[in-house]
């Protein structure tokens, strides 16, 4: 099953007992913010991934993405995995 709303979606993944949700909204002409979450139904752990997209120029995007794991040790998304992030530049041609 897939539930789709403008700017967001929730998809249960059939092979794994996980749920994934994503939302993204424009906040200014060249900037949008978003968030993704993956929730493990079996062990009640989660990964949260906030994003900021900056559309610098035509065909050039800059994305800041962070990840936060919430779960006890030994869980799918254990907080012992550590949190992190990265900056990605994309050029389309």
C-alpha atoms as a PDB file:
ATOM      1  CA  UNK A   1       0.000   0.000   0.000  1.00  0.00           C
ATOM      2  CA  UNK A   2       1.157   3.545  -0.689  1.00  0.00           C
ATOM      3  CA  UNK A   3      -0.453   6.654   0.720  1.00  0.00           C
ATOM      4  CA  UNK A   4       0.528   9.773  -1.208  1.00  0.00           C
ATOM      5  CA  UNK A   5      -0.170  13.376  -0.316  1.00  0.00           C
ATOM      6  CA  UNK A   6       1.281  16.434  -2.071  1.00  0.00           C
ATOM      7  CA  UNK A   7       4.803  16.855  -0.688  1.00  0.00           C
ATOM      8  CA  UNK A   8       4.815  13.654   1.404  1.00  0.00           C
ATOM      9  CA  UNK A   9       4.411   9.905   1.280  1.00  0.00           C
ATOM     10  CA  UNK A  10       4.262   6.898   3.588  1.00  0.00           C
ATOM     11  CA  UNK A  11       5.221   3.483   2.253  1.00  0.00           C
ATOM     12  CA  UNK A  12       5.139   0.241   4.258  1.00  0.00           C
ATOM     13  CA  UNK A  13       7.955  -1.952   2.962  1.00  0.00           C
ATOM     14  CA  UNK A  14       6.602  -5.502   2.448  1.00  0.00           C
ATOM     15  CA  UNK A  15       9.845  -7.481   2.962  1.00  0.00           C
ATOM     16  CA  UNK A  16      10.794  -5.712   6.188  1.00  0.00           C
ATOM     17  CA  UNK A  17       8.593  -4.621   9.076  1.00  0.00           C
ATOM     18  CA  UNK A  18       9.515  -0.949   8.559  1.00  0.00           C
ATOM     19  CA  UNK A  19       7.574   2.188   7.697  1.00  0.00           C
ATOM     20  CA  UNK A  20       9.058   5.110   5.783  1.00  0.00           C
ATOM     21  CA  UNK A  21       7.650   8.640   5.706  1.00  0.00           C
ATOM     22  CA  UNK A  22       8.922  11.712   3.855  1.00  0.00           C
ATOM     23  CA  UNK A  23       7.815  15.344   3.677  1.00  0.00           C
ATOM     24  CA  UNK A  24       9.322  18.260   1.798  1.00  0.00           C
ATOM     25  CA  UNK A  25       8.051  21.815   1.553  1.00  0.00           C
ATOM     26  CA  UNK A  26       9.375  24.997  -0.076  1.00  0.00           C
ATOM     27  CA  UNK A  27      10.097  27.766   2.445  1.00  0.00           C
ATOM     28  CA  UNK A  28      11.467  30.345   0.002  1.00  0.00           C
ATOM     29  CA  UNK A  29      11.975  30.604  -3.728  1.00  0.00           C
ATOM     30  CA  UNK A  30      15.254  28.681  -3.730  1.00  0.00           C
ATOM     31  CA  UNK A  31      15.071  26.740  -0.439  1.00  0.00           C
ATOM     32  CA  UNK A  32      13.042  23.754   0.686  1.00  0.00           C
ATOM     33  CA  UNK A  33      13.139  21.799   3.932  1.00  0.00           C
ATOM     34  CA  UNK A  34      12.213  18.202   4.409  1.00  0.00           C
ATOM     35  CA  UNK A  35      12.318  15.288   6.761  1.00  0.00           C
ATOM     36  CA  UNK A  36      12.344  11.538   6.354  1.00  0.00           C
ATOM     37  CA  UNK A  37      11.754   8.893   8.986  1.00  0.00           C
ATOM     38  CA  UNK A  38      12.166   5.139   8.916  1.00  0.00           C
ATOM     39  CA  UNK A  39      10.477   3.288  11.774  1.00  0.00           C
ATOM     40  CA  UNK A  40      11.198  -0.352  12.579  1.00  0.00           C
ATOM     41  CA  UNK A  41       7.910  -1.896  13.645  1.00  0.00           C
ATOM     42  CA  UNK A  42       9.568  -5.014  15.065  1.00  0.00           C
ATOM     43  CA  UNK A  43      11.859  -3.283  17.586  1.00  0.00           C
ATOM     44  CA  UNK A  44      10.399   0.251  17.722  1.00  0.00           C
ATOM     45  CA  UNK A  45      13.610   2.027  16.701  1.00  0.00           C
ATOM     46  CA  UNK A  46      13.781   4.840  14.159  1.00  0.00           C
ATOM     47  CA  UNK A  47      16.028   6.911  11.929  1.00  0.00           C
ATOM     48  CA  UNK A  48      15.159  10.578  11.395  1.00  0.00           C
ATOM     49  CA  UNK A  49      16.728  12.442   8.459  1.00  0.00           C
ATOM     50  CA  UNK A  50      16.097  16.210   8.199  1.00  0.00           C
ATOM     51  CA  UNK A  51      17.166  17.924   4.958  1.00  0.00           C
ATOM     52  CA  UNK A  52      17.613  21.423   3.583  1.00  0.00           C
ATOM     53  CA  UNK A  53      17.817  21.890  -0.196  1.00  0.00           C
ATOM     54  CA  UNK A  54      19.185  25.054  -1.754  1.00  0.00           C
ATOM     55  CA  UNK A  55      18.681  25.402  -5.495  1.00  0.00           C
ATOM     56  CA  UNK A  56      21.734  27.581  -6.154  1.00  0.00           C
ATOM     57  CA  UNK A  57      21.515  27.972  -9.914  1.00  0.00           C
ATOM     58  CA  UNK A  58      19.714  26.352 -12.786  1.00  0.00           C
ATOM     59  CA  UNK A  59      20.764  22.676 -12.713  1.00  0.00           C
ATOM     60  CA  UNK A  60      22.807  23.075  -9.482  1.00  0.00           C
ATOM     61  CA  UNK A  61      21.470  21.908  -6.092  1.00  0.00           C
ATOM     62  CA  UNK A  62      23.098  21.931  -2.660  1.00  0.00           C
ATOM     63  CA  UNK A  63      21.674  19.590   0.005  1.00  0.00           C
ATOM     64  CA  UNK A  64      22.420  19.427   3.734  1.00  0.00           C
ATOM     65  CA  UNK A  65      21.299  16.115   5.199  1.00  0.00           C
ATOM     66  CA  UNK A  66      21.576  14.940   8.822  1.00  0.00           C
ATOM     67  CA  UNK A  67      20.729  11.563  10.333  1.00  0.00           C
ATOM     68  CA  UNK A  68      19.677  10.714  13.882  1.00  0.00           C
ATOM     69  CA  UNK A  69      19.202   7.163  15.151  1.00  0.00           C
ATOM     70  CA  UNK A  70      16.776   6.474  17.999  1.00  0.00           C
ATOM     71  CA  UNK A  71      16.866   3.014  19.543  1.00  0.00           C
ATOM     72  CA  UNK A  72      18.472   0.860  22.185  1.00  0.00           C
ATOM     73  CA  UNK A  73      21.679  -1.073  21.595  1.00  0.00           C
ATOM     74  CA  UNK A  74      21.117  -4.048  19.301  1.00  0.00           C
ATOM     75  CA  UNK A  75      18.088  -2.515  17.579  1.00  0.00           C
ATOM     76  CA  UNK A  76      17.904  -1.894  13.810  1.00  0.00           C
ATOM     77  CA  UNK A  77      18.390   1.870  14.243  1.00  0.00           C
ATOM     78  CA  UNK A  78      20.428   1.795  17.452  1.00  0.00           C
ATOM     79  CA  UNK A  79      21.667   5.144  18.770  1.00  0.00           C
ATOM     80  CA  UNK A  80      25.098   3.477  19.083  1.00  0.00           C
ATOM     81  CA  UNK A  81      25.352   3.710  15.276  1.00  0.00           C
ATOM     82  CA  UNK A  82      26.118   7.394  15.802  1.00  0.00           C
ATOM     83  CA  UNK A  83      24.562  10.458  14.243  1.00  0.00           C
ATOM     84  CA  UNK A  84      25.965  12.302  11.276  1.00  0.00           C
ATOM     85  CA  UNK A  85      25.357  14.277   8.175  1.00  0.00           C
ATOM     86  CA  UNK A  86      26.741  15.449   4.891  1.00  0.00           C
ATOM     87  CA  UNK A  87      26.549  18.170   2.290  1.00  0.00           C
ATOM     88  CA  UNK A  88      25.919  17.128  -1.313  1.00  0.00           C
ATOM     89  CA  UNK A  89      26.240  19.236  -4.454  1.00  0.00           C
ATOM     90  CA  UNK A  90      24.449  18.022  -7.587  1.00  0.00           C
ATOM     91  CA  UNK A  91      24.998  19.322 -11.086  1.00  0.00           C
ATOM     92  CA  UNK A  92      22.589  18.286 -13.829  1.00  0.00           C
ATOM     93  CA  UNK A  93      23.614  18.342 -17.483  1.00  0.00           C
END
